[in-house]
Amino acid sequence: MITRALLESAQQRAVEMIRDSGVVITEDEASAIDAVDFGLSNLEAEGAQILTMVQTERVSVKLLVLFPNQTEPEHWHPPVDDDPGKEETVRVVKGPVYFYVDGPDTLNGGFIVPGKESVYTCRHEVVLHAGEQMTLQPGAKHWFQAGAEGAVLYSYSSVARDVLDGFTDPLIRRETVVVDE
């Protein structure tokens, strides 16, 4: 849960980071940025700011902003009916971004959110800088984290059904609740 004031502050910070990275967005898009706290009420540590630019029945394009050292929690995109799950390519505009996927433990540049060691199981680190990208296959467990200056990245994917994503942390709720103060 976040307050309306925190939502508005996060939106403004995200807009500044997006524009500083050279990406042009409209005022309508700026006001449509979601501050996602994953139900953890700890947006600065575990969260993301997301602008959905395109969402059709087949394709999704999003702009993601991570504040300095902010982590998007470990998750995967499960199958839905006869669809194998979301295939996603992420491309960094401003970084670095530390991605963690299954594989040998090479965690070095990023860190696990304190007290959350049991819910961040992927430890194979892939560091992406501006202009670099990677593709995540449906069902692939992953999490990612911004460096000390924050990050801006695009997500290009097949249809996104974010509320159906699976999360390692059982406390996560994908839909953000905003309350007036």
Protein backbone atom coordinates (compact mmCIF):
# COMPACT_ATOMS: atom_id res chain seq x y z
CA MET A 1 0.00 0.00 0.00
CA ILE A 2 1.22 3.48 -0.83
CA THR A 3 -0.18 6.91 -0.18
CA ARG A 4 -1.36 9.19 -2.97
CA ALA A 5 1.48 11.59 -2.06
CA LEU A 6 4.04 8.78 -2.47
CA LEU A 7 2.48 7.80 -5.81
CA GLU A 8 2.68 11.37 -7.09
CA SER A 9 6.25 11.79 -5.86
CA ALA A 10 7.29 8.50 -7.50
CA GLN A 11 5.62 9.52 -10.75
CA GLN A 12 7.47 12.85 -10.77
CA ARG A 13 10.83 11.22 -10.01
CA ALA A 14 10.21 8.65 -12.76
CA VAL A 15 9.30 11.37 -15.28
CA GLU A 16 12.53 13.22 -14.49
CA MET A 17 14.59 10.05 -14.91
CA ILE A 18 12.84 9.17 -18.18
CA ARG A 19 13.36 12.63 -19.64
CA ASP A 20 16.96 12.79 -18.38
CA SER A 21 17.60 9.52 -20.21
CA GLY A 22 16.49 11.14 -23.48
CA VAL A 23 13.17 9.34 -23.83
CA VAL A 24 10.32 11.67 -24.74
CA ILE A 25 6.93 11.11 -23.08
CA THR A 26 3.77 13.20 -23.10
CA GLU A 27 2.11 14.76 -20.06
CA ASP A 28 -0.70 12.18 -20.33
CA GLU A 29 1.88 9.39 -20.25
CA ALA A 30 3.63 11.04 -17.30
CA SER A 31 0.41 10.98 -15.28
CA ALA A 32 -0.21 7.33 -16.23
CA ILE A 33 2.98 5.98 -14.62
CA ASP A 34 2.22 3.33 -12.02
CA ALA A 35 4.26 3.11 -8.83
CA VAL A 36 4.22 -0.61 -8.07
CA ASP A 37 5.08 -1.61 -4.50
CA PHE A 38 4.05 -5.27 -4.88
CA GLY A 39 1.96 -4.94 -1.72
CA LEU A 40 5.11 -4.71 0.39
CA SER A 41 4.78 -1.01 1.33
CA ASN A 42 8.51 -0.54 0.78
CA LEU A 43 8.64 1.13 -2.65
CA GLU A 44 12.20 2.45 -2.37
CA ALA A 45 13.63 -1.04 -1.78
CA GLU A 46 11.24 -3.32 -3.68
CA GLY A 47 9.20 -1.76 -6.43
CA ALA A 48 9.16 -0.30 -9.92
CA GLN A 49 7.63 2.61 -11.78
CA ILE A 50 5.92 1.39 -14.95
CA LEU A 51 4.46 3.21 -17.93
CA THR A 52 2.43 0.94 -20.20
CA MET A 53 2.86 2.37 -23.67
CA VAL A 54 1.19 -0.39 -25.70
CA GLN A 55 -1.07 -3.18 -24.47
CA THR A 56 -2.96 -5.27 -27.01
CA GLU A 57 -4.12 -8.87 -27.00
CA ARG A 58 -0.76 -9.90 -28.51
CA VAL A 59 1.89 -7.28 -27.68
CA SER A 60 2.99 -5.15 -24.74
CA VAL A 61 5.53 -2.31 -24.56
CA LYS A 62 6.39 -0.78 -21.22
CA LEU A 63 8.89 1.71 -19.94
CA LEU A 64 10.27 0.74 -16.53
CA VAL A 65 12.04 3.04 -14.11
CA LEU A 66 13.97 1.79 -11.13
CA PHE A 67 15.12 4.28 -8.53
CA PRO A 68 18.69 3.94 -7.23
CA ASN A 69 19.23 0.39 -5.90
CA GLN A 70 15.49 -0.38 -6.28
CA THR A 71 14.70 -4.05 -6.89
CA GLU A 72 11.87 -5.61 -8.87
CA PRO A 73 11.20 -8.82 -6.92
CA GLU A 74 11.84 -12.33 -8.21
CA HIS A 75 9.03 -13.50 -10.46
CA TRP A 76 8.11 -15.48 -13.55
CA HIS A 77 5.48 -15.31 -16.28
CA PRO A 78 3.42 -18.52 -16.10
CA PRO A 79 1.38 -20.18 -18.82
CA VAL A 80 -2.22 -19.02 -19.20
CA ASP A 81 -4.61 -21.42 -20.92
CA ASP A 82 -2.90 -22.44 -24.19
CA ASP A 83 -0.38 -19.54 -24.05
CA PRO A 84 3.07 -20.62 -22.75
CA GLY A 85 3.48 -17.34 -20.84
CA LYS A 86 4.98 -13.96 -21.57
CA GLU A 87 8.21 -13.83 -23.56
CA GLU A 88 9.97 -10.58 -22.72
CA THR A 89 12.91 -8.63 -24.10
CA VAL A 90 14.29 -5.91 -21.88
CA ARG A 91 16.50 -3.17 -23.34
CA VAL A 92 18.35 -0.75 -21.11
CA VAL A 93 18.18 2.98 -21.89
CA LYS A 94 20.10 4.06 -18.78
CA GLY A 95 21.74 1.70 -16.34
CA PRO A 96 23.37 -0.43 -15.29
CA VAL A 97 20.70 -2.99 -14.48
CA TYR A 98 21.63 -6.18 -12.65
CA PHE A 99 19.52 -9.12 -13.84
CA TYR A 100 19.37 -12.40 -11.94
CA VAL A 101 18.36 -15.66 -13.59
CA ASP A 102 18.87 -19.36 -12.93
CA GLY A 103 22.48 -20.49 -13.19
CA PRO A 104 25.69 -20.51 -11.19
CA ASP A 105 25.85 -18.02 -8.33
CA THR A 106 27.74 -15.00 -9.69
CA LEU A 107 25.95 -12.31 -7.66
CA ASN A 108 28.50 -9.52 -7.35
CA GLY A 109 27.33 -6.07 -8.51
CA GLY A 110 23.90 -6.11 -6.90
CA PHE A 111 22.63 -7.30 -3.55
CA ILE A 112 19.75 -9.20 -2.02
CA VAL A 113 17.24 -7.02 -0.19
CA PRO A 114 18.14 -7.44 3.51
CA GLY A 115 16.06 -10.10 5.23
CA LYS A 116 14.82 -11.49 1.91
CA GLU A 117 17.51 -14.09 1.20
CA SER A 118 14.98 -16.94 1.00
CA VAL A 119 12.83 -15.28 -1.68
CA TYR A 120 15.62 -14.23 -4.05
CA THR A 121 16.72 -17.65 -5.29
CA CYS A 122 18.20 -16.70 -8.69
CA ARG A 123 21.81 -15.64 -8.19
CA HIS A 124 23.29 -15.74 -11.71
CA GLU A 125 24.10 -12.10 -12.50
CA VAL A 126 23.88 -10.54 -15.97
CA VAL A 127 24.82 -6.86 -16.05
CA LEU A 128 23.21 -4.77 -18.78
CA HIS A 129 24.27 -1.24 -19.71
CA ALA A 130 22.60 1.32 -21.97
CA GLY A 131 21.93 -0.19 -25.41
CA GLU A 132 22.15 -3.80 -24.18
CA GLN A 133 19.26 -6.20 -23.98
CA MET A 134 18.28 -9.74 -23.05
CA THR A 135 15.30 -11.96 -23.75
CA LEU A 136 13.55 -13.93 -21.02
CA GLN A 137 11.66 -17.03 -22.06
CA PRO A 138 8.16 -17.81 -20.73
CA GLY A 139 8.29 -19.22 -17.21
CA ALA A 140 11.91 -18.16 -16.58
CA LYS A 141 12.33 -16.99 -13.00
CA HIS A 142 14.15 -13.65 -12.73
CA TRP A 143 14.58 -10.43 -10.77
CA PHE A 144 16.48 -7.24 -11.39
CA GLN A 145 17.92 -4.23 -9.66
CA ALA A 146 19.15 -0.77 -10.58
CA GLY A 147 22.60 0.49 -9.80
CA ALA A 148 23.34 3.49 -7.61
CA GLU A 149 22.06 6.00 -10.21
CA GLY A 150 18.82 4.21 -11.02
CA ALA A 151 17.78 2.80 -14.38
CA VAL A 152 15.38 3.24 -17.29
CA LEU A 153 14.54 0.30 -19.53
CA TYR A 154 12.05 -0.86 -22.10
CA SER A 155 10.13 -4.11 -21.86
CA TYR A 156 8.90 -5.53 -25.16
CA SER A 157 6.82 -8.64 -24.77
CA SER A 158 4.04 -10.84 -25.87
CA VAL A 159 0.79 -10.09 -24.05
CA ALA A 160 1.36 -9.03 -20.44
CA ARG A 161 -0.85 -10.38 -17.69
CA ASP A 162 1.06 -8.91 -14.77
CA VAL A 163 -1.57 -9.73 -12.16
CA LEU A 164 -1.03 -13.43 -12.98
CA ASP A 165 2.76 -13.37 -12.56
CA GLY A 166 4.18 -15.80 -10.04
CA PHE A 167 6.35 -14.47 -7.21
CA THR A 168 8.77 -16.31 -4.94
CA ASP A 169 7.83 -14.02 -2.03
CA PRO A 170 4.41 -15.17 -0.75
CA LEU A 171 3.75 -11.70 0.70
CA ILE A 172 3.62 -10.06 -2.74
CA ARG A 173 0.37 -8.74 -4.16
CA ARG A 174 0.77 -7.49 -7.73
CA GLU A 175 -1.93 -4.83 -7.63
CA THR A 176 -0.88 -1.64 -5.87
CA VAL A 177 -3.33 -0.16 -3.41
CA VAL A 178 -3.23 3.64 -3.19
CA VAL A 179 -4.75 5.32 -0.14
CA ASP A 180 -5.52 8.94 0.52
CA GLU A 181 -3.75 10.29 3.59
